PDB file of N, CA and C in Angstrom:
ATOM      1  N   UNK A   1     106.264  95.611 100.534  1.00  0.00           N
ATOM      2  CA  UNK A   1     105.745  96.023  99.164  1.00  0.00           C
ATOM      3  C   UNK A   1     106.748  95.573  98.112  1.00  0.00           C
ATOM      4  N   UNK A   2     106.295  95.183  97.065  1.00  0.00           N
ATOM      5  CA  UNK A   2     107.228  94.773  96.045  1.00  0.00           C
ATOM      6  C   UNK A   2     107.959  96.011  95.336  1.00  0.00           C
ATOM      7  N   UNK A   3     109.078  95.761  94.650  1.00  0.00           N
ATOM      8  CA  UNK A   3     109.782  96.785  94.038  1.00  0.00           C
ATOM      9  C   UNK A   3     109.018  97.518  93.090  1.00  0.00           C
ATOM     10  N   UNK A   4     108.078  96.752  92.367  1.00  0.00           N
ATOM     11  CA  UNK A   4     107.194  97.344  91.295  1.00  0.00           C
ATOM     12  C   UNK A   4     106.344  98.318  91.848  1.00  0.00           C
ATOM     13  N   UNK A   5     105.599  97.842  92.965  1.00  0.00           N
ATOM     14  CA  UNK A   5     104.701  98.851  93.662  1.00  0.00           C
ATOM     15  C   UNK A   5     105.441 100.011  94.313  1.00  0.00           C
ATOM     16  N   UNK A   6     106.507  99.841  94.720  1.00  0.00           N
ATOM     17  CA  UNK A   6     107.400 100.917  95.297  1.00  0.00           C
ATOM     18  C   UNK A   6     107.676 101.937  94.265  1.00  0.00           C
ATOM     19  N   UNK A   7     107.943 101.553  93.177  1.00  0.00           N
ATOM     20  CA  UNK A   7     108.363 102.402  91.948  1.00  0.00           C
ATOM     21  C   UNK A   7     107.045 103.052  91.482  1.00  0.00           C
ATOM     22  N   UNK A   8     105.924 102.319  91.598  1.00  0.00           N
ATOM     23  CA  UNK A   8     104.715 103.062  91.218  1.00  0.00           C
ATOM     24  C   UNK A   8     104.359 104.137  92.260  1.00  0.00           C
ATOM     25  N   UNK A   9     104.523 103.824  93.447  1.00  0.00           N
ATOM     26  CA  UNK A   9     104.387 104.893  94.525  1.00  0.00           C
ATOM     27  C   UNK A   9     105.271 106.137  94.161  1.00  0.00           C
ATOM     28  N   UNK A  10     106.531 105.837  94.030  1.00  0.00           N
ATOM     29  CA  UNK A  10     107.449 106.935  93.707  1.00  0.00           C
ATOM     30  C   UNK A  10     107.128 107.740  92.518  1.00  0.00           C
ATOM     31  N   UNK A  11     106.474 107.086  91.425  1.00  0.00           N
ATOM     32  CA  UNK A  11     106.077 107.747  90.201  1.00  0.00           C
ATOM     33  C   UNK A  11     104.905 108.644  90.610  1.00  0.00           C
ATOM     34  N   UNK A  12     103.972 108.119  91.350  1.00  0.00           N
ATOM     35  CA  UNK A  12     102.835 108.954  91.839  1.00  0.00           C
ATOM     36  C   UNK A  12     103.339 110.310  92.574  1.00  0.00           C
ATOM     37  N   UNK A  13     104.372 110.083  93.409  1.00  0.00           N
ATOM     38  CA  UNK A  13     104.898 111.184  94.178  1.00  0.00           C
ATOM     39  C   UNK A  13     105.600 112.199  93.182  1.00  0.00           C
ATOM     40  N   UNK A  14     106.250 111.667  92.182  1.00  0.00           N
ATOM     41  CA  UNK A  14     106.842 112.435  91.039  1.00  0.00           C
ATOM     42  C   UNK A  14     105.739 113.250  90.386  1.00  0.00           C
ATOM     43  N   UNK A  15     104.648 112.562  90.077  1.00  0.00           N
ATOM     44  CA  UNK A  15     103.456 113.123  89.303  1.00  0.00           C
ATOM     45  C   UNK A  15     103.034 114.354  90.274  1.00  0.00           C
ATOM     46  N   UNK A  16     102.852 114.217  91.511  1.00  0.00           N
ATOM     47  CA  UNK A  16     102.350 115.276  92.279  1.00  0.00           C
ATOM     48  C   UNK A  16     103.318 116.378  92.305  1.00  0.00           C
ATOM     49  N   UNK A  17     104.706 116.153  92.427  1.00  0.00           N
ATOM     50  CA  UNK A  17     105.646 117.162  92.439  1.00  0.00           C
ATOM     51  C   UNK A  17     105.530 117.968  91.122  1.00  0.00           C
ATOM     52  N   UNK A  18     105.401 117.322  90.118  1.00  0.00           N
ATOM     53  CA  UNK A  18     105.382 117.941  88.719  1.00  0.00           C
ATOM     54  C   UNK A  18     104.032 118.727  88.600  1.00  0.00           C
ATOM     55  N   UNK A  19     102.945 118.223  89.163  1.00  0.00           N
ATOM     56  CA  UNK A  19     101.724 118.988  89.248  1.00  0.00           C
ATOM     57  C   UNK A  19     101.881 120.334  89.980  1.00  0.00           C
ATOM     58  N   UNK A  20     102.408 120.304  91.072  1.00  0.00           N
ATOM     59  CA  UNK A  20     102.556 121.476  91.884  1.00  0.00           C
ATOM     60  C   UNK A  20     103.613 122.373  91.162  1.00  0.00           C
ATOM     61  N   UNK A  21     104.579 121.892  90.515  1.00  0.00           N
ATOM     62  CA  UNK A  21     105.527 122.732  89.793  1.00  0.00           C
ATOM     63  C   UNK A  21     104.883 123.428  88.695  1.00  0.00           C
ATOM     64  N   UNK A  22     103.984 122.655  87.983  1.00  0.00           N
ATOM     65  CA  UNK A  22     103.170 123.229  86.859  1.00  0.00           C
ATOM     66  C   UNK A  22     102.352 124.376  87.386  1.00  0.00           C
ATOM     67  N   UNK A  23     101.637 124.183  88.397  1.00  0.00           N
ATOM     68  CA  UNK A  23     100.762 125.113  89.017  1.00  0.00           C
ATOM     69  C   UNK A  23     101.464 126.419  89.450  1.00  0.00           C
ATOM     70  N   UNK A  24     102.543 126.173  90.113  1.00  0.00           N
ATOM     71  CA  UNK A  24     103.450 127.376  90.529  1.00  0.00           C
ATOM     72  C   UNK A  24     103.987 128.090  89.339  1.00  0.00           C
ATOM     73  N   UNK A  25     104.439 127.430  88.338  1.00  0.00           N
ATOM     74  CA  UNK A  25     104.892 128.039  87.076  1.00  0.00           C
ATOM     75  C   UNK A  25     103.940 129.027  86.483  1.00  0.00           C
ATOM     76  N   UNK A  26     102.648 128.389  86.372  1.00  0.00           N
ATOM     77  CA  UNK A  26     101.492 129.013  85.818  1.00  0.00           C
ATOM     78  C   UNK A  26     101.107 130.284  86.679  1.00  0.00           C
ATOM     79  N   UNK A  27     101.270 130.143  87.995  1.00  0.00           N
ATOM     80  CA  UNK A  27     100.985 131.233  88.901  1.00  0.00           C
ATOM     81  C   UNK A  27     101.909 132.342  88.733  1.00  0.00           C
ATOM     82  N   UNK A  28     103.289 132.136  88.565  1.00  0.00           N
ATOM     83  CA  UNK A  28     104.228 133.125  88.503  1.00  0.00           C
ATOM     84  C   UNK A  28     104.057 133.801  87.014  1.00  0.00           C
ATOM     85  N   UNK A  29     103.648 133.057  86.119  1.00  0.00           N
ATOM     86  CA  UNK A  29     103.629 133.634  84.734  1.00  0.00           C
ATOM     87  C   UNK A  29     102.316 134.463  84.563  1.00  0.00           C
ATOM     88  N   UNK A  30     101.099 133.810  85.021  1.00  0.00           N
ATOM     89  CA  UNK A  30      99.863 134.575  84.766  1.00  0.00           C
ATOM     90  C   UNK A  30      99.193 135.115  85.900  1.00  0.00           C
ATOM     91  N   UNK A  31      99.526 134.961  87.174  1.00  0.00           N
ATOM     92  CA  UNK A  31      98.966 135.438  88.354  1.00  0.00           C
ATOM     93  C   UNK A  31      97.847 134.669  88.972  1.00  0.00           C
ATOM     94  N   UNK A  32      97.671 134.996  90.274  1.00  0.00           N
ATOM     95  CA  UNK A  32      96.728 134.217  91.054  1.00  0.00           C
ATOM     96  C   UNK A  32      95.145 134.431  90.455  1.00  0.00           C
ATOM     97  N   UNK A  33      94.892 135.640  89.976  1.00  0.00           N
ATOM     98  CA  UNK A  33      93.572 135.887  89.508  1.00  0.00           C
ATOM     99  C   UNK A  33      93.291 134.941  88.290  1.00  0.00           C
ATOM    100  N   UNK A  34      94.114 134.738  87.455  1.00  0.00           N
ATOM    101  CA  UNK A  34      93.980 133.905  86.285  1.00  0.00           C
ATOM    102  C   UNK A  34      93.618 132.532  86.802  1.00  0.00           C
ATOM    103  N   UNK A  35      94.530 131.987  87.627  1.00  0.00           N
ATOM    104  CA  UNK A  35      94.240 130.590  88.167  1.00  0.00           C
ATOM    105  C   UNK A  35      92.896 130.375  88.794  1.00  0.00           C
ATOM    106  N   UNK A  36      92.423 131.439  89.384  1.00  0.00           N
ATOM    107  CA  UNK A  36      91.127 131.289  90.141  1.00  0.00           C
ATOM    108  C   UNK A  36      89.897 131.389  89.181  1.00  0.00           C
ATOM    109  N   UNK A  37      90.102 132.030  87.985  1.00  0.00           N
ATOM    110  CA  UNK A  37      89.167 132.247  87.075  1.00  0.00           C
ATOM    111  C   UNK A  37      88.759 131.071  86.208  1.00  0.00           C
ATOM    112  N   UNK A  38      87.835 131.203  85.316  1.00  0.00           N
ATOM    113  CA  UNK A  38      87.256 130.056  84.577  1.00  0.00           C
ATOM    114  C   UNK A  38      88.205 129.781  83.400  1.00  0.00           C
ATOM    115  N   UNK A  39      89.131 130.604  82.974  1.00  0.00           N
ATOM    116  CA  UNK A  39      90.259 130.386  81.987  1.00  0.00           C
ATOM    117  C   UNK A  39      89.519 130.321  80.696  1.00  0.00           C
ATOM    118  N   UNK A  40      88.498 131.116  80.401  1.00  0.00           N
ATOM    119  CA  UNK A  40      87.889 131.055  79.126  1.00  0.00           C
ATOM    120  C   UNK A  40      88.819 131.655  78.071  1.00  0.00           C
ATOM    121  N   UNK A  41      89.532 132.601  78.531  1.00  0.00           N
ATOM    122  CA  UNK A  41      90.651 133.191  77.690  1.00  0.00           C
ATOM    123  C   UNK A  41      91.956 132.416  77.930  1.00  0.00           C
ATOM    124  N   UNK A  42      92.115 131.272  77.350  1.00  0.00           N
ATOM    125  CA  UNK A  42      93.280 130.319  77.740  1.00  0.00           C
ATOM    126  C   UNK A  42      94.554 131.044  77.370  1.00  0.00           C
ATOM    127  N   UNK A  43      95.413 131.142  78.262  1.00  0.00           N
ATOM    128  CA  UNK A  43      96.833 131.596  78.055  1.00  0.00           C
ATOM    129  C   UNK A  43      97.725 130.542  78.116  1.00  0.00           C
ATOM    130  N   UNK A  44      98.522 130.244  77.061  1.00  0.00           N
ATOM    131  CA  UNK A  44      99.397 129.190  76.996  1.00  0.00           C
ATOM    132  C   UNK A  44     100.717 129.707  77.784  1.00  0.00           C
ATOM    133  N   UNK A  45     101.320 128.830  78.566  1.00  0.00           N
ATOM    134  CA  UNK A  45     102.558 129.245  79.103  1.00  0.00           C
ATOM    135  C   UNK A  45     103.670 129.369  78.231  1.00  0.00           C
ATOM    136  N   UNK A  46     104.678 130.110  78.659  1.00  0.00           N
ATOM    137  CA  UNK A  46     105.814 130.341  77.778  1.00  0.00           C
ATOM    138  C   UNK A  46     107.123 129.942  78.522  1.00  0.00           C
ATOM    139  N   UNK A  47     108.243 129.816  77.877  1.00  0.00           N
ATOM    140  CA  UNK A  47     109.482 129.593  78.468  1.00  0.00           C
ATOM    141  C   UNK A  47     109.432 128.358  79.342  1.00  0.00           C
ATOM    142  N   UNK A  48     110.146 128.544  80.623  1.00  0.00           N
ATOM    143  CA  UNK A  48     110.216 127.345  81.589  1.00  0.00           C
ATOM    144  C   UNK A  48     108.924 126.909  81.892  1.00  0.00           C
ATOM    145  N   UNK A  49     107.800 127.700  82.049  1.00  0.00           N
ATOM    146  CA  UNK A  49     106.507 127.289  82.538  1.00  0.00           C
ATOM    147  C   UNK A  49     106.002 126.364  81.478  1.00  0.00           C
ATOM    148  N   UNK A  50     106.256 126.701  80.230  1.00  0.00           N
ATOM    149  CA  UNK A  50     105.789 125.844  79.064  1.00  0.00           C
ATOM    150  C   UNK A  50     106.471 124.415  79.141  1.00  0.00           C
ATOM    151  N   UNK A  51     107.760 124.422  79.334  1.00  0.00           N
ATOM    152  CA  UNK A  51     108.511 123.186  79.473  1.00  0.00           C
ATOM    153  C   UNK A  51     108.100 122.363  80.747  1.00  0.00           C
ATOM    154  N   UNK A  52     107.875 122.977  81.717  1.00  0.00           N
ATOM    155  CA  UNK A  52     107.326 122.255  82.979  1.00  0.00           C
ATOM    156  C   UNK A  52     105.889 121.650  82.625  1.00  0.00           C
ATOM    157  N   UNK A  53     105.002 122.350  81.870  1.00  0.00           N
ATOM    158  CA  UNK A  53     103.725 121.938  81.573  1.00  0.00           C
ATOM    159  C   UNK A  53     103.978 120.678  80.601  1.00  0.00           C
ATOM    160  N   UNK A  54     104.838 120.755  79.491  1.00  0.00           N
ATOM    161  CA  UNK A  54     104.978 119.700  78.577  1.00  0.00           C
ATOM    162  C   UNK A  54     105.562 118.488  79.180  1.00  0.00           C
ATOM    163  N   UNK A  55     106.557 118.673  80.169  1.00  0.00           N
ATOM    164  CA  UNK A  55     107.128 117.519  80.881  1.00  0.00           C
ATOM    165  C   UNK A  55     105.955 116.889  81.685  1.00  0.00           C
ATOM    166  N   UNK A  56     105.165 117.632  82.345  1.00  0.00           N
ATOM    167  CA  UNK A  56     104.068 117.136  83.116  1.00  0.00           C
ATOM    168  C   UNK A  56     103.038 116.270  82.281  1.00  0.00           C
ATOM    169  N   UNK A  57     102.624 116.921  81.207  1.00  0.00           N
ATOM    170  CA  UNK A  57     101.787 116.254  80.196  1.00  0.00           C
ATOM    171  C   UNK A  57     102.427 114.871  79.643  1.00  0.00           C
ATOM    172  N   UNK A  58     103.638 114.997  79.464  1.00  0.00           N
ATOM    173  CA  UNK A  58     104.424 113.707  78.957  1.00  0.00           C
ATOM    174  C   UNK A  58     104.301 112.630  79.957  1.00  0.00           C
ATOM    175  N   UNK A  59     104.419 112.917  81.328  1.00  0.00           N
ATOM    176  CA  UNK A  59     104.338 111.996  82.275  1.00  0.00           C
ATOM    177  C   UNK A  59     102.824 111.451  82.349  1.00  0.00           C
ATOM    178  N   UNK A  60     101.873 112.343  82.218  1.00  0.00           N
ATOM    179  CA  UNK A  60     100.469 111.910  82.126  1.00  0.00           C
ATOM    180  C   UNK A  60     100.190 110.853  81.064  1.00  0.00           C
ATOM    181  N   UNK A  61     100.913 111.091  79.892  1.00  0.00           N
ATOM    182  CA  UNK A  61     100.689 110.050  78.820  1.00  0.00           C
ATOM    183  C   UNK A  61     101.242 108.717  79.196  1.00  0.00           C
ATOM    184  N   UNK A  62     102.320 108.548  79.858  1.00  0.00           N
ATOM    185  CA  UNK A  62     102.880 107.162  80.143  1.00  0.00           C
ATOM    186  C   UNK A  62     102.569 106.642  81.521  1.00  0.00           C
ATOM    187  N   UNK A  63     102.195 107.425  82.441  1.00  0.00           N
ATOM    188  CA  UNK A  63     101.790 106.951  83.801  1.00  0.00           C
ATOM    189  C   UNK A  63     100.747 105.931  83.694  1.00  0.00           C
ATOM    190  N   UNK A  64      99.592 106.092  82.996  1.00  0.00           N
ATOM    191  CA  UNK A  64      98.574 105.026  83.068  1.00  0.00           C
ATOM    192  C   UNK A  64      99.097 103.730  82.455  1.00  0.00           C
ATOM    193  N   UNK A  65     100.030 103.666  81.413  1.00  0.00           N
ATOM    194  CA  UNK A  65     100.530 102.570  80.880  1.00  0.00           C
ATOM    195  C   UNK A  65     101.429 101.827  81.923  1.00  0.00           C
ATOM    196  N   UNK A  66     102.211 102.650  82.694  1.00  0.00           N
ATOM    197  CA  UNK A  66     103.146 102.032  83.674  1.00  0.00           C
ATOM    198  C   UNK A  66     102.276 101.348  84.644  1.00  0.00           C
ATOM    199  N   UNK A  67     101.233 102.185  85.240  1.00  0.00           N
ATOM    200  CA  UNK A  67     100.498 101.577  86.352  1.00  0.00           C
ATOM    201  C   UNK A  67      99.780 100.401  85.857  1.00  0.00           C
ATOM    202  N   UNK A  68      99.297 100.317  84.719  1.00  0.00           N
ATOM    203  CA  UNK A  68      98.533  99.181  84.178  1.00  0.00           C
ATOM    204  C   UNK A  68      99.460  98.028  83.964  1.00  0.00           C
ATOM    205  N   UNK A  69     100.690  98.177  83.571  1.00  0.00           N
ATOM    206  CA  UNK A  69     101.647  97.106  83.364  1.00  0.00           C
ATOM    207  C   UNK A  69     102.104  96.458  84.768  1.00  0.00           C
ATOM    208  N   UNK A  70     102.194  97.457  85.683  1.00  0.00           N
ATOM    209  CA  UNK A  70     102.602  96.929  87.135  1.00  0.00           C
ATOM    210  C   UNK A  70     101.495  96.087  87.709  1.00  0.00           C
ATOM    211  N   UNK A  71     100.258  96.603  87.514  1.00  0.00           N
ATOM    212  CA  UNK A  71      99.134  95.914  88.098  1.00  0.00           C
ATOM    213  C   UNK A  71      98.844  94.633  87.482  1.00  0.00           C
ATOM    214  N   UNK A  72      99.010  94.575  86.164  1.00  0.00           N
ATOM    215  CA  UNK A  72      98.809  93.202  85.395  1.00  0.00           C
ATOM    216  C   UNK A  72      99.905  92.295  85.920  1.00  0.00           C
ATOM    217  N   UNK A  73     101.213  92.724  85.976  1.00  0.00           N
ATOM    218  CA  UNK A  73     102.222  91.824  86.377  1.00  0.00           C
ATOM    219  C   UNK A  73     101.972  91.274  87.749  1.00  0.00           C
ATOM    220  N   UNK A  74     101.496  92.136  88.700  1.00  0.00           N
ATOM    221  CA  UNK A  74     101.252  91.661  89.974  1.00  0.00           C
ATOM    222  C   UNK A  74     100.123  90.749  90.090  1.00  0.00           C
ATOM    223  N   UNK A  75      99.022  91.001  89.387  1.00  0.00           N
ATOM    224  CA  UNK A  75      97.731  90.167  89.476  1.00  0.00           C
ATOM    225  C   UNK A  75      97.959  88.847  88.724  1.00  0.00           C
ATOM    226  N   UNK A  76      98.907  88.835  87.746  1.00  0.00           N
ATOM    227  CA  UNK A  76      99.041  87.584  87.004  1.00  0.00           C
ATOM    228  C   UNK A  76     100.185  86.752  87.683  1.00  0.00           C
ATOM    229  N   UNK A  77     100.915  87.380  88.729  1.00  0.00           N
ATOM    230  CA  UNK A  77     102.003  86.657  89.213  1.00  0.00           C
ATOM    231  C   UNK A  77     103.257  86.592  88.355  1.00  0.00           C
ATOM    232  N   UNK A  78     103.404  87.487  87.435  1.00  0.00           N
ATOM    233  CA  UNK A  78     104.517  87.453  86.625  1.00  0.00           C
ATOM    234  C   UNK A  78     105.544  88.403  86.946  1.00  0.00           C
ATOM    235  N   UNK A  79     105.629  88.818  88.217  1.00  0.00           N
ATOM    236  CA  UNK A  79     106.596  89.716  88.728  1.00  0.00           C
ATOM    237  C   UNK A  79     107.990  89.016  88.751  1.00  0.00           C
ATOM    238  N   UNK A  80     109.066  89.590  88.440  1.00  0.00           N
ATOM    239  CA  UNK A  80     110.346  88.928  88.504  1.00  0.00           C
ATOM    240  C   UNK A  80     111.406  90.031  88.418  1.00  0.00           C
ATOM    241  N   UNK A  81     112.637  89.631  88.383  1.00  0.00           N
ATOM    242  CA  UNK A  81     113.781  90.461  88.402  1.00  0.00           C
ATOM    243  C   UNK A  81     113.635  91.484  87.219  1.00  0.00           C
ATOM    244  N   UNK A  82     113.054  90.906  86.020  1.00  0.00           N
ATOM    245  CA  UNK A  82     113.078  91.949  84.910  1.00  0.00           C
ATOM    246  C   UNK A  82     111.937  92.955  84.972  1.00  0.00           C
ATOM    247  N   UNK A  83     110.807  92.645  85.640  1.00  0.00           N
ATOM    248  CA  UNK A  83     109.808  93.594  85.845  1.00  0.00           C
ATOM    249  C   UNK A  83     110.159  94.543  86.899  1.00  0.00           C
ATOM    250  N   UNK A  84     110.940  94.107  87.995  1.00  0.00           N
ATOM    251  CA  UNK A  84     111.551  94.955  88.929  1.00  0.00           C
ATOM    252  C   UNK A  84     112.534  96.007  88.235  1.00  0.00           C
ATOM    253  N   UNK A  85     113.249  95.417  87.353  1.00  0.00           N
ATOM    254  CA  UNK A  85     114.314  96.305  86.639  1.00  0.00           C
ATOM    255  C   UNK A  85     113.541  97.306  85.773  1.00  0.00           C
ATOM    256  N   UNK A  86     112.652  96.863  85.126  1.00  0.00           N
ATOM    257  CA  UNK A  86     111.863  97.704  84.088  1.00  0.00           C
ATOM    258  C   UNK A  86     111.176  98.883  84.915  1.00  0.00           C
ATOM    259  N   UNK A  87     110.600  98.598  86.086  1.00  0.00           N
ATOM    260  CA  UNK A  87     110.049  99.656  86.855  1.00  0.00           C
ATOM    261  C   UNK A  87     111.026 100.613  87.301  1.00  0.00           C
ATOM    262  N   UNK A  88     112.154 100.164  87.705  1.00  0.00           N
ATOM    263  CA  UNK A  88     113.257 101.057  88.191  1.00  0.00           C
ATOM    264  C   UNK A  88     113.699 101.916  87.070  1.00  0.00           C
ATOM    265  N   UNK A  89     113.926 101.312  85.958  1.00  0.00           N
ATOM    266  CA  UNK A  89     114.366 102.124  84.770  1.00  0.00           C
ATOM    267  C   UNK A  89     113.365 103.179  84.354  1.00  0.00           C
ATOM    268  N   UNK A  90     112.028 102.831  84.483  1.00  0.00           N
ATOM    269  CA  UNK A  90     111.034 103.734  84.047  1.00  0.00           C
ATOM    270  C   UNK A  90     111.089 104.885  85.151  1.00  0.00           C
ATOM    271  N   UNK A  91     111.099 104.648  86.379  1.00  0.00           N
ATOM    272  CA  UNK A  91     111.109 105.629  87.455  1.00  0.00           C
ATOM    273  C   UNK A  91     112.236 106.573  87.320  1.00  0.00           C
ATOM    274  N   UNK A  92     113.401 106.016  87.351  1.00  0.00           N
ATOM    275  CA  UNK A  92     114.569 106.902  87.301  1.00  0.00           C
ATOM    276  C   UNK A  92     114.657 107.666  85.998  1.00  0.00           C
ATOM    277  N   UNK A  93     114.253 107.089  84.953  1.00  0.00           N
ATOM    278  CA  UNK A  93     114.226 107.824  83.575  1.00  0.00           C
ATOM    279  C   UNK A  93     113.273 109.006  83.768  1.00  0.00           C
ATOM    280  N   UNK A  94     112.092 108.879  84.345  1.00  0.00           N
ATOM    281  CA  UNK A  94     111.169 109.874  84.424  1.00  0.00           C
ATOM    282  C   UNK A  94     111.667 111.032  85.398  1.00  0.00           C
ATOM    283  N   UNK A  95     112.344 110.468  86.449  1.00  0.00           N
ATOM    284  CA  UNK A  95     112.912 111.515  87.361  1.00  0.00           C
ATOM    285  C   UNK A  95     113.937 112.355  86.795  1.00  0.00           C
ATOM    286  N   UNK A  96     114.808 111.762  85.899  1.00  0.00           N
ATOM    287  CA  UNK A  96     115.883 112.440  85.256  1.00  0.00           C
ATOM    288  C   UNK A  96     115.210 113.402  84.134  1.00  0.00           C
ATOM    289  N   UNK A  97     114.134 112.896  83.474  1.00  0.00           N
ATOM    290  CA  UNK A  97     113.568 113.612  82.324  1.00  0.00           C
ATOM    291  C   UNK A  97     113.050 114.932  82.679  1.00  0.00           C
ATOM    292  N   UNK A  98     112.493 115.035  83.931  1.00  0.00           N
ATOM    293  CA  UNK A  98     111.925 116.327  84.296  1.00  0.00           C
ATOM    294  C   UNK A  98     112.916 117.415  84.417  1.00  0.00           C
ATOM    295  N   UNK A  99     114.051 117.305  85.090  1.00  0.00           N
ATOM    296  CA  UNK A  99     114.890 118.484  84.966  1.00  0.00           C
ATOM    297  C   UNK A  99     115.584 118.684  83.642  1.00  0.00           C
ATOM    298  N   UNK A 100     115.763 117.532  82.982  1.00  0.00           N
ATOM    299  CA  UNK A 100     116.425 117.681  81.542  1.00  0.00           C
ATOM    300  C   UNK A 100     115.454 118.438  80.674  1.00  0.00           C
ATOM    301  N   UNK A 101     114.245 118.192  80.764  1.00  0.00           N
ATOM    302  CA  UNK A 101     113.312 118.802  79.878  1.00  0.00           C
ATOM    303  C   UNK A 101     113.185 120.295  80.270  1.00  0.00           C
ATOM    304  N   UNK A 102     113.085 120.576  81.568  1.00  0.00           N
ATOM    305  CA  UNK A 102     113.030 122.041  81.986  1.00  0.00           C
ATOM    306  C   UNK A 102     114.140 122.858  81.562  1.00  0.00           C
ATOM    307  N   UNK A 103     115.392 122.267  81.649  1.00  0.00           N
ATOM    308  CA  UNK A 103     116.573 123.006  81.238  1.00  0.00           C
ATOM    309  C   UNK A 103     116.765 123.047  79.772  1.00  0.00           C
ATOM    310  N   UNK A 104     115.942 122.253  78.979  1.00  0.00           N
ATOM    311  CA  UNK A 104     115.996 122.402  77.580  1.00  0.00           C
ATOM    312  C   UNK A 104     117.158 121.770  76.879  1.00  0.00           C
ATOM    313  N   UNK A 105     117.629 120.764  77.470  1.00  0.00           N
ATOM    314  CA  UNK A 105     118.893 120.056  76.896  1.00  0.00           C
ATOM    315  C   UNK A 105     118.379 119.183  75.722  1.00  0.00           C
ATOM    316  N   UNK A 106     118.815 119.494  74.528  1.00  0.00           N
ATOM    317  CA  UNK A 106     118.331 118.721  73.358  1.00  0.00           C
ATOM    318  C   UNK A 106     118.994 117.411  73.420  1.00  0.00           C
ATOM    319  N   UNK A 107     118.544 116.370  72.685  1.00  0.00           N
ATOM    320  CA  UNK A 107     119.147 115.155  72.519  1.00  0.00           C
ATOM    321  C   UNK A 107     119.138 114.313  73.808  1.00  0.00           C
ATOM    322  N   UNK A 108     119.739 114.822  74.904  1.00  0.00           N
ATOM    323  CA  UNK A 108     119.580 114.090  76.173  1.00  0.00           C
ATOM    324  C   UNK A 108     118.161 113.880  76.565  1.00  0.00           C
ATOM    325  N   UNK A 109     117.269 114.823  76.379  1.00  0.00           N
ATOM    326  CA  UNK A 109     115.972 114.656  76.733  1.00  0.00           C
ATOM    327  C   UNK A 109     115.331 113.383  76.053  1.00  0.00           C
ATOM    328  N   UNK A 110     115.594 113.409  74.743  1.00  0.00           N
ATOM    329  CA  UNK A 110     115.079 112.258  73.792  1.00  0.00           C
ATOM    330  C   UNK A 110     115.643 110.934  74.286  1.00  0.00           C
ATOM    331  N   UNK A 111     116.969 110.845  74.647  1.00  0.00           N
ATOM    332  CA  UNK A 111     117.644 109.677  75.022  1.00  0.00           C
ATOM    333  C   UNK A 111     117.004 109.162  76.369  1.00  0.00           C
ATOM    334  N   UNK A 112     116.843 110.153  77.281  1.00  0.00           N
ATOM    335  CA  UNK A 112     116.196 109.813  78.631  1.00  0.00           C
ATOM    336  C   UNK A 112     114.796 109.237  78.333  1.00  0.00           C
ATOM    337  N   UNK A 113     114.117 109.830  77.562  1.00  0.00           N
ATOM    338  CA  UNK A 113     112.680 109.359  77.241  1.00  0.00           C
ATOM    339  C   UNK A 113     112.715 107.939  76.642  1.00  0.00           C
ATOM    340  N   UNK A 114     113.640 107.674  75.735  1.00  0.00           N
ATOM    341  CA  UNK A 114     113.829 106.434  75.154  1.00  0.00           C
ATOM    342  C   UNK A 114     114.157 105.371  76.249  1.00  0.00           C
ATOM    343  N   UNK A 115     114.962 105.700  77.159  1.00  0.00           N
ATOM    344  CA  UNK A 115     115.327 104.833  78.271  1.00  0.00           C
ATOM    345  C   UNK A 115     114.146 104.541  79.201  1.00  0.00           C
ATOM    346  N   UNK A 116     113.387 105.497  79.538  1.00  0.00           N
ATOM    347  CA  UNK A 116     112.279 105.248  80.391  1.00  0.00           C
ATOM    348  C   UNK A 116     111.165 104.413  79.640  1.00  0.00           C
ATOM    349  N   UNK A 117     111.018 104.694  78.396  1.00  0.00           N
ATOM    350  CA  UNK A 117     110.156 103.807  77.542  1.00  0.00           C
ATOM    351  C   UNK A 117     110.566 102.460  77.526  1.00  0.00           C
ATOM    352  N   UNK A 118     111.916 102.335  77.483  1.00  0.00           N
ATOM    353  CA  UNK A 118     112.432 100.971  77.368  1.00  0.00           C
ATOM    354  C   UNK A 118     112.128 100.248  78.694  1.00  0.00           C
ATOM    355  N   UNK A 119     111.994 100.827  79.894  1.00  0.00           N
ATOM    356  CA  UNK A 119     111.526 100.195  81.048  1.00  0.00           C
ATOM    357  C   UNK A 119     110.176  99.652  80.820  1.00  0.00           C
ATOM    358  N   UNK A 120     109.242 100.460  80.220  1.00  0.00           N
ATOM    359  CA  UNK A 120     107.933  99.962  79.944  1.00  0.00           C
ATOM    360  C   UNK A 120     107.902  98.740  79.072  1.00  0.00           C
ATOM    361  N   UNK A 121     108.775  98.830  77.957  1.00  0.00           N
ATOM    362  CA  UNK A 121     108.911  97.700  77.086  1.00  0.00           C
ATOM    363  C   UNK A 121     109.347  96.420  77.909  1.00  0.00           C
ATOM    364  N   UNK A 122     110.297  96.529  78.678  1.00  0.00           N
ATOM    365  CA  UNK A 122     110.794  95.402  79.472  1.00  0.00           C
ATOM    366  C   UNK A 122     109.680  94.691  80.276  1.00  0.00           C
ATOM    367  N   UNK A 123     108.880  95.564  80.915  1.00  0.00           N
ATOM    368  CA  UNK A 123     107.870  94.984  81.753  1.00  0.00           C
ATOM    369  C   UNK A 123     106.866  94.332  80.786  1.00  0.00           C
ATOM    370  N   UNK A 124     106.527  94.976  79.793  1.00  0.00           N
ATOM    371  CA  UNK A 124     105.523  94.304  78.730  1.00  0.00           C
ATOM    372  C   UNK A 124     106.022  93.074  78.213  1.00  0.00           C
ATOM    373  N   UNK A 125     107.357  93.007  77.948  1.00  0.00           N
ATOM    374  CA  UNK A 125     107.864  91.784  77.375  1.00  0.00           C
ATOM    375  C   UNK A 125     107.743  90.683  78.267  1.00  0.00           C
ATOM    376  N   UNK A 126     107.984  90.984  79.618  1.00  0.00           N
ATOM    377  CA  UNK A 126     107.723  89.742  80.653  1.00  0.00           C
ATOM    378  C   UNK A 126     106.357  89.327  80.770  1.00  0.00           C
ATOM    379  N   UNK A 127     105.429  90.149  80.371  1.00  0.00           N
ATOM    380  CA  UNK A 127     103.946  89.742  80.458  1.00  0.00           C
ATOM    381  C   UNK A 127     103.659  89.018  79.331  1.00  0.00           C
ATOM    382  N   UNK A 128     104.302  89.190  78.252  1.00  0.00           N
ATOM    383  CA  UNK A 128     104.042  88.494  76.947  1.00  0.00           C
ATOM    384  C   UNK A 128     104.754  87.092  76.840  1.00  0.00           C
ATOM    385  N   UNK A 129     105.711  86.931  77.463  1.00  0.00           N
ATOM    386  CA  UNK A 129     106.448  85.659  77.286  1.00  0.00           C
ATOM    387  C   UNK A 129     106.000  84.541  78.321  1.00  0.00           C
TER     388      UNK A 129
END
């Protein structure tokens, strides 16, 4: 399996970990009954549960772009050292982003996000040249 696909697999695993963390945080905050109900009376999470949810949603925003770029690179035969590097930068950035966001470290969170987004840009650049 290519480095790019391996990184995509690890990002999917990270997605599942964040999904479970988000559900568990909601469970601890609102209880099992709320999670089983229709949630017509939506309760926004607070504190750490809110941070976990926002970090999860942030991954949801960039994961389709990452997956698309990786698949386009593979199908067009444009994978190279730079697409491998970009995919690794994105994965490690996303992995670091989750605990940094949860702990509420300002500035560092933004810098990590910029780094992971830089990985996406690096892959995109390789597709455009």
